[in-house]
N, C-alpha and C. Protein backbone atom coordinates (compact mmCIF):
# COMPACT_ATOMS: atom_id res chain seq x y z
N MET A 1 114.31 158.18 138.18
CA MET A 1 114.73 157.27 139.21
C MET A 1 113.41 157.33 140.19
N THR A 2 112.37 156.35 140.20
CA THR A 2 111.15 156.66 141.06
C THR A 2 112.00 156.56 142.73
N THR A 3 111.18 156.90 143.41
CA THR A 3 111.43 157.16 145.11
C THR A 3 110.58 156.52 145.58
N ASN A 4 110.48 155.73 146.96
CA ASN A 4 109.76 155.72 147.80
C ASN A 4 109.25 156.78 148.83
N PRO A 5 108.13 156.53 148.49
CA PRO A 5 107.73 158.01 149.33
C PRO A 5 107.74 157.73 151.33
N ASP A 6 107.84 156.23 151.47
CA ASP A 6 107.71 155.87 152.46
C ASP A 6 109.33 155.81 153.47
N ILE A 7 109.93 155.66 152.35
CA ILE A 7 111.70 156.00 152.54
C ILE A 7 112.54 157.83 152.00
N PRO A 8 112.33 158.78 153.28
CA PRO A 8 112.81 159.34 152.34
C PRO A 8 113.90 160.04 152.17
N ILE A 9 114.87 159.29 153.57
CA ILE A 9 116.41 159.00 153.14
C ILE A 9 116.85 158.93 151.63
N ILE A 10 117.64 159.86 151.07
CA ILE A 10 117.97 159.42 149.49
C ILE A 10 119.32 159.28 149.87
N LEU A 11 120.57 158.66 150.49
CA LEU A 11 121.62 158.78 149.85
C LEU A 11 122.45 158.00 148.33
N ASP A 12 122.54 159.80 148.08
CA ASP A 12 123.51 159.78 146.27
C ASP A 12 124.42 161.22 147.12
N ALA A 13 124.94 161.03 146.35
CA ALA A 13 125.92 162.37 145.99
C ALA A 13 125.83 163.23 145.21
N PRO A 14 126.06 165.09 145.18
CA PRO A 14 126.22 165.90 144.12
C PRO A 14 127.16 165.38 142.80
N ARG A 15 126.68 164.91 141.63
CA ARG A 15 127.47 164.66 140.21
C ARG A 15 127.61 166.02 139.98
N THR A 16 128.75 166.58 139.65
CA THR A 16 128.51 167.93 139.43
C THR A 16 129.75 167.93 137.64
N ASP A 17 130.23 166.58 137.12
CA ASP A 17 131.27 166.64 136.67
C ASP A 17 130.97 166.63 135.02
N ASP A 18 131.02 167.93 134.43
CA ASP A 18 131.11 167.93 133.72
C ASP A 18 131.40 166.94 131.77
N LEU A 19 132.30 166.38 132.29
CA LEU A 19 133.23 165.39 132.04
C LEU A 19 132.30 163.81 131.94
N ARG A 20 131.30 163.53 132.62
CA ARG A 20 130.09 163.06 132.84
C ARG A 20 129.08 162.13 132.12
N THR A 21 129.27 161.35 131.54
CA THR A 21 127.94 161.08 130.69
C THR A 21 126.91 160.27 131.19
N ILE A 22 125.52 160.44 131.87
CA ILE A 22 124.76 159.60 131.61
C ILE A 22 124.13 158.38 130.97
N LEU A 23 124.58 157.22 131.06
CA LEU A 23 124.29 156.10 130.20
C LEU A 23 122.89 155.30 130.38
N ASP A 24 122.82 155.38 131.56
CA ASP A 24 120.87 154.50 132.24
C ASP A 24 120.89 155.17 133.68
N ASP A 25 119.88 155.83 133.65
CA ASP A 25 119.92 156.30 135.23
C ASP A 25 118.02 156.17 134.95
N GLU A 26 117.38 154.97 134.73
CA GLU A 26 115.88 154.60 134.75
C GLU A 26 116.33 153.04 135.38
N LEU A 27 117.43 152.93 135.94
CA LEU A 27 117.26 151.51 137.06
C LEU A 27 116.12 151.79 138.34
N ASP A 28 116.29 150.84 138.83
CA ASP A 28 114.70 150.46 140.30
C ASP A 28 116.19 151.38 141.39
N PRO A 29 116.33 151.76 142.44
CA PRO A 29 116.48 152.44 142.91
C PRO A 29 116.96 150.96 144.65
N LEU A 30 118.18 150.87 145.24
CA LEU A 30 118.40 150.04 146.16
C LEU A 30 117.63 150.55 147.02
N VAL A 31 116.82 149.35 148.16
CA VAL A 31 116.80 150.10 149.50
C VAL A 31 117.20 149.66 150.66
N ALA A 32 118.20 150.15 151.40
CA ALA A 32 118.88 149.61 152.91
C ALA A 32 118.57 149.98 153.81
N SER A 33 119.07 149.07 154.33
CA SER A 33 118.70 148.97 156.15
C SER A 33 119.68 149.87 156.18
N ILE A 34 119.85 150.77 157.84
CA ILE A 34 120.99 151.07 157.76
C ILE A 34 120.52 150.88 159.17
N ASP A 35 121.21 149.56 160.30
CA ASP A 35 121.01 149.45 161.51
C ASP A 35 121.77 150.51 162.65
N GLU A 36 122.48 152.11 162.77
CA GLU A 36 122.37 153.11 162.89
C GLU A 36 122.04 153.65 163.28
N ILE A 37 120.51 153.78 162.21
CA ILE A 37 119.26 154.91 162.83
C ILE A 37 117.91 154.16 162.37
N ASP A 38 118.23 152.53 162.45
CA ASP A 38 116.97 152.29 162.63
C ASP A 38 116.00 152.31 161.53
N GLY A 39 116.43 152.28 160.18
CA GLY A 39 115.61 152.53 159.63
C GLY A 39 116.13 152.46 158.17
N CYS A 40 115.74 152.89 156.85
CA CYS A 40 116.15 152.51 155.38
C CYS A 40 116.69 153.75 155.11
N CYS A 41 117.30 153.22 154.01
CA CYS A 41 117.37 154.88 152.18
C CYS A 41 117.86 153.70 151.28
N THR A 42 117.30 154.77 150.49
CA THR A 42 116.63 154.59 149.15
C THR A 42 118.50 155.14 148.51
N LEU A 43 118.96 154.00 147.41
CA LEU A 43 120.16 154.17 146.78
C LEU A 43 120.37 154.53 145.50
N PRO A 44 119.79 154.90 144.74
CA PRO A 44 119.54 155.41 143.27
C PRO A 44 121.35 154.37 142.32
N LEU A 45 120.44 153.72 141.24
CA LEU A 45 121.06 153.37 140.69
C LEU A 45 121.19 153.93 139.04
N ARG A 46 122.26 153.87 138.62
CA ARG A 46 123.17 155.07 137.25
C ARG A 46 124.00 154.08 136.84
N ILE A 47 124.18 153.92 135.56
CA ILE A 47 125.60 153.59 134.73
C ILE A 47 125.41 154.90 133.85
N SER A 48 126.95 155.28 134.27
CA SER A 48 127.38 156.52 133.46
C SER A 48 128.88 155.89 133.24
N HIS A 49 129.38 157.28 132.25
CA HIS A 49 130.82 157.01 131.87
C HIS A 49 131.84 158.02 131.56
N ASN A 50 132.63 158.17 132.41
CA ASN A 50 133.79 159.11 132.51
C ASN A 50 135.52 158.76 131.34
N PRO A 51 135.96 159.67 131.68
CA PRO A 51 136.87 159.22 130.50
C PRO A 51 138.02 158.73 131.38
N VAL A 52 138.48 159.22 132.64
CA VAL A 52 138.70 158.36 133.61
C VAL A 52 138.86 157.04 133.86
N CYS A 53 137.71 156.32 133.97
CA CYS A 53 137.19 155.15 135.01
C CYS A 53 136.13 154.56 133.45
N GLY A 54 135.69 154.71 132.88
CA GLY A 54 134.80 154.19 131.73
C GLY A 54 133.58 153.95 132.10
N VAL A 55 132.94 152.88 131.52
CA VAL A 55 131.18 152.95 132.29
C VAL A 55 131.44 152.42 133.89
N VAL A 56 130.79 153.46 134.52
CA VAL A 56 130.54 153.03 135.87
C VAL A 56 129.06 152.72 136.45
N LEU A 57 129.08 152.36 137.31
CA LEU A 57 127.58 151.87 138.39
C LEU A 57 127.47 152.72 139.05
N GLU A 58 127.31 153.31 139.30
CA GLU A 58 126.53 154.56 140.27
C GLU A 58 125.91 153.32 141.25
N ILE A 59 126.08 153.59 142.76
CA ILE A 59 125.16 153.11 142.84
C ILE A 59 125.06 154.16 144.39
N GLY A 60 123.56 155.23 144.82
CA GLY A 60 124.17 156.06 145.34
C GLY A 60 125.85 157.36 145.48
N PRO A 61 126.20 156.88 146.22
CA PRO A 61 127.36 158.35 145.83
C PRO A 61 128.40 157.46 145.69
N TYR A 62 128.64 156.27 146.03
CA TYR A 62 129.50 155.38 145.22
C TYR A 62 130.04 155.04 143.83
N ASP A 63 130.60 154.74 143.42
CA ASP A 63 131.19 154.83 141.81
C ASP A 63 131.75 153.26 141.64
N LEU A 64 131.03 152.96 141.20
CA LEU A 64 131.90 151.09 141.44
C LEU A 64 132.42 151.37 139.45
N ASN A 65 134.12 150.63 139.09
CA ASN A 65 134.04 150.06 138.20
C ASN A 65 134.44 149.39 137.45
N TYR A 66 134.78 148.67 136.36
CA TYR A 66 134.48 146.83 136.07
C TYR A 66 134.92 146.02 136.90
N HIS A 67 136.00 146.83 138.16
CA HIS A 67 136.18 145.71 138.71
C HIS A 67 136.18 145.47 139.56
N ASP A 68 134.87 146.50 140.23
CA ASP A 68 134.68 146.51 141.53
C ASP A 68 132.75 145.87 141.07
N VAL A 69 132.40 145.54 140.20
CA VAL A 69 131.26 145.57 139.40
C VAL A 69 131.90 143.54 139.26
N VAL A 70 132.65 143.34 138.61
CA VAL A 70 132.88 141.47 138.71
C VAL A 70 133.46 141.06 140.29
N GLN A 71 133.39 142.20 141.50
CA GLN A 71 133.53 141.62 142.57
C GLN A 71 132.11 141.46 143.13
N LEU A 72 131.35 142.46 142.86
CA LEU A 72 129.94 142.40 143.30
C LEU A 72 129.68 141.55 142.40
N CYS A 73 129.65 141.25 141.68
CA CYS A 73 128.97 139.63 140.34
C CYS A 73 129.57 138.23 141.55
N GLU A 74 130.79 138.50 141.90
CA GLU A 74 131.03 136.94 142.22
C GLU A 74 130.21 137.16 143.68
N ALA A 75 130.52 138.40 144.62
CA ALA A 75 129.49 138.31 145.74
C ALA A 75 127.92 137.46 145.52
N ILE A 76 127.51 138.71 144.72
CA ILE A 76 126.51 137.64 144.49
C ILE A 76 125.99 136.45 143.98
N ARG A 77 126.74 135.67 143.22
CA ARG A 77 126.96 134.60 143.19
C ARG A 77 127.10 133.82 144.51
N LYS A 78 127.48 134.19 145.50
CA LYS A 78 127.84 133.72 146.43
C LYS A 78 126.44 133.31 147.67
N PHE A 79 126.48 134.34 147.34
CA PHE A 79 125.51 135.18 148.11
C PHE A 79 123.42 134.12 148.09
N ASN A 80 123.59 133.63 146.68
CA ASN A 80 122.85 133.11 145.69
C ASN A 80 123.08 131.90 146.50
N GLU A 81 123.83 131.38 146.67
CA GLU A 81 124.45 129.57 147.07
C GLU A 81 124.27 129.47 147.77
N TRP A 82 124.50 130.47 149.27
CA TRP A 82 123.93 130.22 150.09
C TRP A 82 122.17 130.31 150.65
N ARG A 83 122.08 131.48 150.06
CA ARG A 83 120.14 131.38 150.17
C ARG A 83 119.79 130.21 149.72
N GLN A 84 120.04 129.04 148.81
CA GLN A 84 120.08 128.13 148.65
C GLN A 84 120.37 127.07 149.27
N ALA A 85 121.91 127.25 150.03
CA ALA A 85 121.60 125.90 150.87
C ALA A 85 121.17 125.73 151.85
N PRO A 86 121.00 125.07 152.45
CA PRO A 86 120.14 124.72 153.93
C PRO A 86 121.43 125.29 155.65
N ILE A 87 120.83 125.92 156.10
CA ILE A 87 121.95 126.58 156.73
C ILE A 87 121.85 125.83 158.17
N ARG A 88 122.16 125.45 158.56
CA ARG A 88 123.01 124.75 159.30
C ARG A 88 123.82 125.27 160.90
N LYS A 89 123.19 124.90 162.13
CA LYS A 89 123.46 125.84 163.33
C LYS A 89 124.60 124.96 164.04
N ALA A 90 125.82 125.52 163.99
CA ALA A 90 126.05 125.38 165.24
C ALA A 90 126.33 124.64 166.54
């Protein structure tokens, strides 16, 4: 994982599970803004496997299973629809 020195906060969790296998940790991290601290943090992205959940997408301290990723993909699809649509003010 490559980190940005301008964003010193890395939001992640210790991963000490011996049964977890990292499949890909070369993904570019996400940078998310946090209004409460008026700043940003880095969220590492990894794909791993464990015997309980199978293949998991790790976003910082959060683990997303297959069904979570399907929901996230649907949200991203809708996000892209809104990005391309003209915004009308009420």
